[in-house]
Amino acid sequence: DIYFKGLEKLFADRDMKLEITEDAREVLATQGFNPVYGARPLKRYLQKNVETLLAKKILADEVRTGDRLVLDVENGSLIIRK
């Protein structure tokens, strides 16, 4: 939740709302956790999988100011929906 709050704030500054579904939260918790390092890998996982996905949407002009974005899971992969 702490890492995701940072992303929410980043998008709030761009006048966009970013939300996360429970399914996506479960994927992030599962993939971003390591028994040895705890939640430290979560930050890298978020950067690699969520921030990159969001950046591609922005660069492709698929999202705009004022949009409501939802991070979700489809077929086992993270997706962004408007």
N, C-alpha and C. Protein backbone atom coordinates (compact mmCIF):
# COMPACT_ATOMS: atom_id res chain seq x y z
N ASP A 1 0.82 -1.21 0.00
CA ASP A 1 0.00 0.00 0.00
C ASP A 1 0.86 1.27 0.00
N ILE A 2 1.97 1.22 0.71
CA ILE A 2 2.84 2.40 0.80
C ILE A 2 3.41 2.74 -0.57
N TYR A 3 3.93 1.75 -1.27
CA TYR A 3 4.49 2.00 -2.61
C TYR A 3 3.41 2.47 -3.57
N PHE A 4 2.25 1.87 -3.48
CA PHE A 4 1.17 2.23 -4.40
C PHE A 4 0.67 3.64 -4.13
N LYS A 5 0.68 4.07 -2.88
CA LYS A 5 0.27 5.44 -2.54
C LYS A 5 1.16 6.45 -3.25
N GLY A 6 2.45 6.13 -3.39
CA GLY A 6 3.36 7.02 -4.11
C GLY A 6 2.96 7.16 -5.57
N LEU A 7 2.55 6.05 -6.18
CA LEU A 7 2.09 6.09 -7.57
C LEU A 7 0.79 6.88 -7.68
N GLU A 8 -0.11 6.67 -6.73
CA GLU A 8 -1.37 7.41 -6.74
C GLU A 8 -1.11 8.91 -6.67
N LYS A 9 -0.17 9.31 -5.81
CA LYS A 9 0.15 10.73 -5.67
C LYS A 9 0.74 11.28 -6.97
N LEU A 10 1.62 10.51 -7.59
CA LEU A 10 2.22 10.93 -8.84
C LEU A 10 1.15 11.20 -9.90
N PHE A 11 0.16 10.33 -9.98
CA PHE A 11 -0.90 10.52 -10.96
C PHE A 11 -1.90 11.59 -10.54
N ALA A 12 -2.09 11.76 -9.25
CA ALA A 12 -2.96 12.84 -8.78
C ALA A 12 -2.38 14.19 -9.18
N ASP A 13 -1.05 14.30 -9.18
CA ASP A 13 -0.40 15.53 -9.62
C ASP A 13 -0.67 15.80 -11.10
N ARG A 14 -0.96 14.75 -11.87
CA ARG A 14 -1.28 14.89 -13.31
C ARG A 14 -2.80 14.93 -13.51
N ASP A 15 -3.54 15.06 -12.41
CA ASP A 15 -5.00 15.12 -12.44
C ASP A 15 -5.63 13.83 -12.96
N MET A 16 -5.00 12.71 -12.60
CA MET A 16 -5.52 11.38 -12.95
C MET A 16 -5.72 10.60 -11.66
N LYS A 17 -6.68 9.71 -11.67
CA LYS A 17 -6.92 8.87 -10.51
C LYS A 17 -6.48 7.45 -10.84
N LEU A 18 -5.67 6.87 -9.96
CA LEU A 18 -5.16 5.52 -10.14
C LEU A 18 -5.70 4.65 -9.02
N GLU A 19 -6.37 3.57 -9.38
CA GLU A 19 -6.93 2.64 -8.40
C GLU A 19 -6.37 1.25 -8.66
N ILE A 20 -6.49 0.39 -7.67
CA ILE A 20 -6.00 -0.98 -7.79
C ILE A 20 -7.08 -1.94 -7.33
N THR A 21 -7.28 -3.00 -8.08
CA THR A 21 -8.25 -4.02 -7.69
C THR A 21 -7.61 -4.97 -6.69
N GLU A 22 -8.44 -5.73 -6.02
CA GLU A 22 -7.93 -6.72 -5.07
C GLU A 22 -7.11 -7.80 -5.78
N ASP A 23 -7.53 -8.17 -6.98
CA ASP A 23 -6.77 -9.16 -7.74
C ASP A 23 -5.37 -8.65 -8.06
N ALA A 24 -5.27 -7.40 -8.47
CA ALA A 24 -3.96 -6.81 -8.77
C ALA A 24 -3.13 -6.68 -7.50
N ARG A 25 -3.77 -6.33 -6.41
CA ARG A 25 -3.07 -6.21 -5.12
C ARG A 25 -2.48 -7.58 -4.74
N GLU A 26 -3.23 -8.65 -4.99
CA GLU A 26 -2.76 -10.00 -4.68
C GLU A 26 -1.55 -10.37 -5.54
N VAL A 27 -1.60 -10.04 -6.83
CA VAL A 27 -0.46 -10.31 -7.72
C VAL A 27 0.77 -9.54 -7.26
N LEU A 28 0.60 -8.28 -6.92
CA LEU A 28 1.72 -7.47 -6.46
C LEU A 28 2.31 -8.04 -5.17
N ALA A 29 1.45 -8.44 -4.25
CA ALA A 29 1.93 -8.98 -2.97
C ALA A 29 2.67 -10.30 -3.19
N THR A 30 2.16 -11.13 -4.08
CA THR A 30 2.78 -12.42 -4.35
C THR A 30 4.09 -12.28 -5.11
N GLN A 31 4.08 -11.50 -6.18
CA GLN A 31 5.26 -11.36 -7.03
C GLN A 31 6.32 -10.45 -6.42
N GLY A 32 5.92 -9.52 -5.59
CA GLY A 32 6.86 -8.55 -5.04
C GLY A 32 7.43 -8.92 -3.69
N PHE A 33 7.09 -10.09 -3.19
CA PHE A 33 7.58 -10.52 -1.88
C PHE A 33 8.62 -11.61 -2.04
N ASN A 34 9.65 -11.52 -1.23
CA ASN A 34 10.70 -12.54 -1.21
C ASN A 34 10.92 -12.90 0.25
N PRO A 35 10.92 -14.19 0.62
CA PRO A 35 11.08 -14.58 2.02
C PRO A 35 12.38 -14.05 2.65
N VAL A 36 13.42 -13.91 1.86
CA VAL A 36 14.70 -13.43 2.39
C VAL A 36 14.71 -11.91 2.53
N TYR A 37 14.22 -11.21 1.51
CA TYR A 37 14.30 -9.75 1.49
C TYR A 37 13.00 -9.06 1.88
N GLY A 38 11.95 -9.80 2.15
CA GLY A 38 10.68 -9.20 2.53
C GLY A 38 10.04 -8.50 1.35
N ALA A 39 9.58 -7.27 1.56
CA ALA A 39 8.88 -6.52 0.50
C ALA A 39 9.81 -5.64 -0.33
N ARG A 40 11.11 -5.67 -0.06
CA ARG A 40 12.04 -4.82 -0.83
C ARG A 40 11.94 -5.03 -2.34
N PRO A 41 11.81 -6.25 -2.82
CA PRO A 41 11.69 -6.45 -4.28
C PRO A 41 10.41 -5.85 -4.87
N LEU A 42 9.45 -5.52 -4.03
CA LEU A 42 8.19 -4.96 -4.51
C LEU A 42 8.41 -3.66 -5.26
N LYS A 43 9.31 -2.83 -4.78
CA LYS A 43 9.56 -1.55 -5.45
C LYS A 43 10.06 -1.79 -6.88
N ARG A 44 10.99 -2.71 -7.05
CA ARG A 44 11.49 -3.02 -8.39
C ARG A 44 10.40 -3.64 -9.25
N TYR A 45 9.57 -4.49 -8.66
CA TYR A 45 8.48 -5.11 -9.40
C TYR A 45 7.49 -4.04 -9.87
N LEU A 46 7.16 -3.10 -9.01
CA LEU A 46 6.26 -2.01 -9.39
C LEU A 46 6.87 -1.17 -10.51
N GLN A 47 8.15 -0.86 -10.40
CA GLN A 47 8.80 -0.07 -11.45
C GLN A 47 8.78 -0.81 -12.77
N LYS A 48 9.15 -2.07 -12.75
CA LYS A 48 9.27 -2.85 -13.98
C LYS A 48 7.91 -3.14 -14.61
N ASN A 49 6.91 -3.45 -13.82
CA ASN A 49 5.65 -3.93 -14.36
C ASN A 49 4.53 -2.90 -14.36
N VAL A 50 4.45 -2.07 -13.36
CA VAL A 50 3.35 -1.11 -13.28
C VAL A 50 3.74 0.24 -13.88
N GLU A 51 4.85 0.80 -13.44
CA GLU A 51 5.26 2.10 -13.95
C GLU A 51 5.55 2.04 -15.45
N THR A 52 6.17 0.97 -15.91
CA THR A 52 6.45 0.83 -17.33
C THR A 52 5.16 0.72 -18.13
N LEU A 53 4.21 -0.04 -17.62
CA LEU A 53 2.91 -0.18 -18.28
C LEU A 53 2.20 1.17 -18.36
N LEU A 54 2.23 1.91 -17.27
CA LEU A 54 1.60 3.25 -17.26
C LEU A 54 2.32 4.20 -18.21
N ALA A 55 3.63 4.15 -18.22
CA ALA A 55 4.41 5.03 -19.10
C ALA A 55 4.10 4.74 -20.57
N LYS A 56 3.98 3.47 -20.91
CA LYS A 56 3.64 3.12 -22.29
C LYS A 56 2.27 3.65 -22.68
N LYS A 57 1.32 3.59 -21.76
CA LYS A 57 -0.03 4.12 -22.03
C LYS A 57 0.03 5.63 -22.25
N ILE A 58 0.82 6.31 -21.45
CA ILE A 58 0.94 7.78 -21.57
C ILE A 58 1.61 8.13 -22.89
N LEU A 59 2.71 7.45 -23.21
CA LEU A 59 3.43 7.75 -24.45
C LEU A 59 2.61 7.43 -25.69
N ALA A 60 1.75 6.42 -25.59
CA ALA A 60 0.88 6.06 -26.72
C ALA A 60 -0.35 6.95 -26.78
N ASP A 61 -0.42 7.91 -25.85
CA ASP A 61 -1.54 8.86 -25.77
C ASP A 61 -2.88 8.15 -25.55
N GLU A 62 -2.83 7.06 -24.79
CA GLU A 62 -4.04 6.30 -24.47
C GLU A 62 -4.71 6.81 -23.19
N VAL A 63 -3.99 7.58 -22.40
CA VAL A 63 -4.56 8.17 -21.18
C VAL A 63 -4.32 9.67 -21.21
N ARG A 64 -5.25 10.37 -20.61
CA ARG A 64 -5.18 11.84 -20.62
C ARG A 64 -5.50 12.38 -19.24
N THR A 65 -5.23 13.64 -19.06
CA THR A 65 -5.56 14.33 -17.82
C THR A 65 -7.03 14.13 -17.50
N GLY A 66 -7.31 13.82 -16.24
CA GLY A 66 -8.69 13.62 -15.81
C GLY A 66 -9.16 12.18 -15.89
N ASP A 67 -8.38 11.29 -16.50
CA ASP A 67 -8.79 9.89 -16.62
C ASP A 67 -8.73 9.17 -15.27
N ARG A 68 -9.57 8.18 -15.13
CA ARG A 68 -9.56 7.28 -13.97
C ARG A 68 -8.99 5.95 -14.47
N LEU A 69 -7.84 5.56 -13.93
CA LEU A 69 -7.16 4.35 -14.36
C LEU A 69 -7.29 3.28 -13.28
N VAL A 70 -7.47 2.05 -13.71
CA VAL A 70 -7.61 0.93 -12.78
C VAL A 70 -6.56 -0.12 -13.12
N LEU A 71 -5.75 -0.46 -12.15
CA LEU A 71 -4.77 -1.53 -12.30
C LEU A 71 -5.49 -2.83 -11.95
N ASP A 72 -5.51 -3.77 -12.89
CA ASP A 72 -6.26 -5.00 -12.72
C ASP A 72 -5.44 -6.17 -13.27
N VAL A 73 -6.00 -7.36 -13.19
CA VAL A 73 -5.34 -8.56 -13.70
C VAL A 73 -6.25 -9.19 -14.75
N GLU A 74 -5.64 -9.57 -15.87
CA GLU A 74 -6.37 -10.27 -16.92
C GLU A 74 -5.47 -11.38 -17.45
N ASN A 75 -5.96 -12.59 -17.41
CA ASN A 75 -5.18 -13.76 -17.86
C ASN A 75 -3.83 -13.86 -17.15
N GLY A 76 -3.80 -13.50 -15.89
CA GLY A 76 -2.58 -13.59 -15.09
C GLY A 76 -1.60 -12.45 -15.25
N SER A 77 -1.93 -11.45 -16.09
CA SER A 77 -1.04 -10.32 -16.32
C SER A 77 -1.69 -9.03 -15.83
N LEU A 78 -0.85 -8.11 -15.37
CA LEU A 78 -1.35 -6.81 -14.95
C LEU A 78 -1.77 -6.00 -16.17
N ILE A 79 -2.88 -5.31 -16.07
CA ILE A 79 -3.36 -4.44 -17.15
C ILE A 79 -3.83 -3.13 -16.53
N ILE A 80 -3.92 -2.11 -17.39
CA ILE A 80 -4.47 -0.82 -16.99
C ILE A 80 -5.74 -0.59 -17.81
N ARG A 81 -6.84 -0.33 -17.11
CA ARG A 81 -8.09 0.00 -17.78
C ARG A 81 -8.47 1.43 -17.44
N LYS A 82 -9.22 2.05 -18.38
CA LYS A 82 -9.77 3.38 -18.11
C LYS A 82 -11.16 3.23 -17.54
